[in-house]
């Protein structure tokens, strides 16, 4: 689990868009590789990252563990 605080208001998908952009930059993957699987209208979301091996994802998230 990763907790991210965003500045965008959760209006018209603004926060979701900001989250996808943030994760894309942080994980160094294209925006098209990030998909919100569940929780589009919730504070809690499940996000899928395509094209990134689990070990690479774990390594890039390691500073937050």
N, C-alpha and C. Protein backbone atom coordinates (compact mmCIF):
# COMPACT_ATOMS: atom_id res chain seq x y z
N UNK A 1 0.84 -1.16 0.00
CA UNK A 1 0.00 0.00 0.00
C UNK A 1 0.89 1.24 0.00
N UNK A 2 0.48 2.22 -0.76
CA UNK A 2 1.20 3.49 -0.86
C UNK A 2 0.20 4.60 -0.64
N UNK A 3 0.53 5.53 0.24
CA UNK A 3 -0.35 6.66 0.51
C UNK A 3 0.21 7.87 -0.22
N UNK A 4 -0.64 8.50 -1.06
CA UNK A 4 -0.24 9.66 -1.85
C UNK A 4 -1.19 10.81 -1.53
N UNK A 5 -0.64 11.95 -1.25
CA UNK A 5 -1.45 13.14 -0.99
C UNK A 5 -1.37 14.03 -2.23
N UNK A 6 -2.54 14.37 -2.77
CA UNK A 6 -2.62 15.17 -3.99
C UNK A 6 -3.19 16.55 -3.72
N UNK A 7 -2.83 17.51 -4.54
CA UNK A 7 -3.37 18.85 -4.40
C UNK A 7 -4.67 19.03 -5.17
N UNK A 8 -4.85 18.25 -6.21
CA UNK A 8 -6.05 18.39 -7.06
C UNK A 8 -7.30 17.96 -6.30
N UNK A 9 -8.36 18.71 -6.51
CA UNK A 9 -9.65 18.36 -5.89
C UNK A 9 -10.25 17.16 -6.61
N UNK A 10 -10.99 16.35 -5.87
CA UNK A 10 -11.61 15.17 -6.50
C UNK A 10 -12.86 15.53 -7.29
N UNK A 11 -12.71 16.45 -8.22
CA UNK A 11 -13.83 16.92 -9.03
C UNK A 11 -13.53 16.60 -10.49
N UNK A 12 -14.50 16.01 -11.16
CA UNK A 12 -14.37 15.67 -12.58
C UNK A 12 -13.12 14.85 -12.89
N UNK A 13 -12.71 13.99 -11.97
CA UNK A 13 -11.57 13.11 -12.21
C UNK A 13 -10.22 13.79 -12.10
N UNK A 14 -10.18 15.02 -11.61
CA UNK A 14 -8.92 15.76 -11.51
C UNK A 14 -7.88 15.08 -10.64
N UNK A 15 -8.31 14.57 -9.50
CA UNK A 15 -7.38 13.90 -8.59
C UNK A 15 -6.88 12.59 -9.21
N UNK A 16 -7.77 11.87 -9.88
CA UNK A 16 -7.35 10.62 -10.53
C UNK A 16 -6.31 10.91 -11.60
N UNK A 17 -6.54 11.94 -12.38
CA UNK A 17 -5.61 12.32 -13.44
C UNK A 17 -4.25 12.71 -12.85
N UNK A 18 -4.28 13.48 -11.76
CA UNK A 18 -3.04 13.88 -11.11
C UNK A 18 -2.31 12.66 -10.54
N UNK A 19 -3.05 11.73 -9.97
CA UNK A 19 -2.44 10.50 -9.44
C UNK A 19 -1.74 9.72 -10.53
N UNK A 20 -2.41 9.54 -11.67
CA UNK A 20 -1.81 8.78 -12.78
C UNK A 20 -0.55 9.48 -13.28
N UNK A 21 -0.59 10.80 -13.42
CA UNK A 21 0.59 11.55 -13.86
C UNK A 21 1.74 11.42 -12.86
N UNK A 22 1.40 11.54 -11.58
CA UNK A 22 2.42 11.41 -10.54
C UNK A 22 3.08 10.04 -10.58
N UNK A 23 2.26 8.99 -10.62
CA UNK A 23 2.81 7.63 -10.64
C UNK A 23 3.63 7.39 -11.90
N UNK A 24 3.20 7.93 -13.02
CA UNK A 24 3.95 7.80 -14.26
C UNK A 24 5.34 8.40 -14.14
N UNK A 25 5.41 9.61 -13.62
CA UNK A 25 6.72 10.27 -13.43
C UNK A 25 7.56 9.53 -12.41
N UNK A 26 6.96 9.20 -11.28
CA UNK A 26 7.71 8.58 -10.19
C UNK A 26 8.24 7.20 -10.58
N UNK A 27 7.40 6.40 -11.26
CA UNK A 27 7.79 5.04 -11.62
C UNK A 27 8.52 4.99 -12.96
N UNK A 28 8.59 6.12 -13.66
CA UNK A 28 9.27 6.22 -14.95
C UNK A 28 8.67 5.26 -15.97
N UNK A 29 7.34 5.33 -16.10
CA UNK A 29 6.61 4.55 -17.09
C UNK A 29 5.66 5.50 -17.82
N UNK A 30 5.23 5.14 -19.02
CA UNK A 30 4.28 6.00 -19.73
C UNK A 30 2.94 6.08 -19.00
N UNK A 31 2.25 7.20 -19.16
CA UNK A 31 0.93 7.38 -18.55
C UNK A 31 0.00 6.25 -18.95
N UNK A 32 0.13 5.80 -20.20
CA UNK A 32 -0.74 4.73 -20.69
C UNK A 32 -0.53 3.40 -19.96
N UNK A 33 0.56 3.27 -19.21
CA UNK A 33 0.84 2.05 -18.46
C UNK A 33 0.13 2.01 -17.10
N UNK A 34 -0.41 3.14 -16.68
CA UNK A 34 -1.06 3.25 -15.38
C UNK A 34 -2.57 3.18 -15.57
N UNK A 35 -3.21 2.31 -14.81
CA UNK A 35 -4.67 2.19 -14.89
C UNK A 35 -5.25 2.07 -13.48
N UNK A 36 -6.25 2.88 -13.20
CA UNK A 36 -6.97 2.75 -11.93
C UNK A 36 -7.99 1.64 -12.12
N UNK A 37 -7.78 0.52 -11.43
CA UNK A 37 -8.63 -0.65 -11.59
C UNK A 37 -9.93 -0.51 -10.80
N UNK A 38 -9.82 -0.08 -9.55
CA UNK A 38 -11.00 0.12 -8.71
C UNK A 38 -10.81 1.38 -7.88
N UNK A 39 -11.93 1.99 -7.49
CA UNK A 39 -11.89 3.13 -6.59
C UNK A 39 -11.84 4.48 -7.26
N UNK A 40 -12.31 4.57 -8.49
CA UNK A 40 -12.27 5.86 -9.19
C UNK A 40 -12.97 6.98 -8.41
N UNK A 41 -13.98 6.64 -7.64
CA UNK A 41 -14.71 7.67 -6.88
C UNK A 41 -14.44 7.56 -5.38
N UNK A 42 -13.43 6.81 -5.02
CA UNK A 42 -13.10 6.58 -3.61
C UNK A 42 -11.70 7.12 -3.31
N UNK A 43 -11.43 7.32 -2.02
CA UNK A 43 -10.08 7.70 -1.60
C UNK A 43 -9.12 6.54 -1.76
N UNK A 44 -9.62 5.32 -1.63
CA UNK A 44 -8.79 4.12 -1.75
C UNK A 44 -8.91 3.56 -3.16
N UNK A 45 -7.77 3.33 -3.78
CA UNK A 45 -7.75 2.88 -5.17
C UNK A 45 -6.84 1.67 -5.33
N UNK A 46 -7.13 0.88 -6.34
CA UNK A 46 -6.24 -0.19 -6.76
C UNK A 46 -5.75 0.22 -8.14
N UNK A 47 -4.42 0.29 -8.28
CA UNK A 47 -3.81 0.77 -9.51
C UNK A 47 -2.97 -0.34 -10.13
N UNK A 48 -3.07 -0.47 -11.44
CA UNK A 48 -2.28 -1.44 -12.19
C UNK A 48 -1.19 -0.70 -12.95
N UNK A 49 0.02 -1.28 -12.96
CA UNK A 49 1.14 -0.71 -13.71
C UNK A 49 1.61 -1.77 -14.70
N UNK A 50 1.38 -1.51 -15.98
CA UNK A 50 1.77 -2.46 -17.03
C UNK A 50 3.22 -2.20 -17.46
N UNK A 51 3.89 -3.25 -17.87
CA UNK A 51 5.23 -3.11 -18.43
C UNK A 51 6.32 -2.91 -17.42
N UNK A 52 6.06 -3.19 -16.17
CA UNK A 52 7.06 -3.03 -15.12
C UNK A 52 7.06 -4.31 -14.29
N UNK A 53 8.19 -4.98 -14.25
CA UNK A 53 8.30 -6.23 -13.50
C UNK A 53 8.06 -5.96 -12.02
N UNK A 54 7.46 -6.92 -11.32
CA UNK A 54 7.20 -6.72 -9.88
C UNK A 54 8.45 -6.34 -9.09
N UNK A 55 9.59 -6.91 -9.44
CA UNK A 55 10.83 -6.59 -8.72
C UNK A 55 11.23 -5.13 -8.96
N UNK A 56 11.03 -4.64 -10.19
CA UNK A 56 11.35 -3.24 -10.51
C UNK A 56 10.39 -2.30 -9.79
N UNK A 57 9.12 -2.66 -9.75
CA UNK A 57 8.14 -1.85 -9.03
C UNK A 57 8.50 -1.78 -7.55
N UNK A 58 8.83 -2.91 -6.98
CA UNK A 58 9.21 -2.97 -5.56
C UNK A 58 10.44 -2.10 -5.30
N UNK A 59 11.41 -2.15 -6.19
CA UNK A 59 12.63 -1.36 -6.03
C UNK A 59 12.33 0.14 -6.09
N UNK A 60 11.45 0.55 -7.00
CA UNK A 60 11.13 1.97 -7.15
C UNK A 60 10.27 2.49 -5.99
N UNK A 61 9.55 1.60 -5.35
CA UNK A 61 8.73 1.99 -4.20
C UNK A 61 9.47 1.81 -2.88
N UNK A 62 10.66 1.22 -2.91
CA UNK A 62 11.38 0.91 -1.68
C UNK A 62 11.65 2.11 -0.77
N UNK A 63 11.87 3.33 -1.29
CA UNK A 63 12.06 4.45 -0.37
C UNK A 63 10.86 4.71 0.55
N UNK A 64 9.69 4.21 0.18
CA UNK A 64 8.48 4.46 0.96
C UNK A 64 8.13 3.32 1.89
N UNK A 65 8.92 2.32 1.94
CA UNK A 65 8.61 1.17 2.80
C UNK A 65 9.26 1.30 4.15
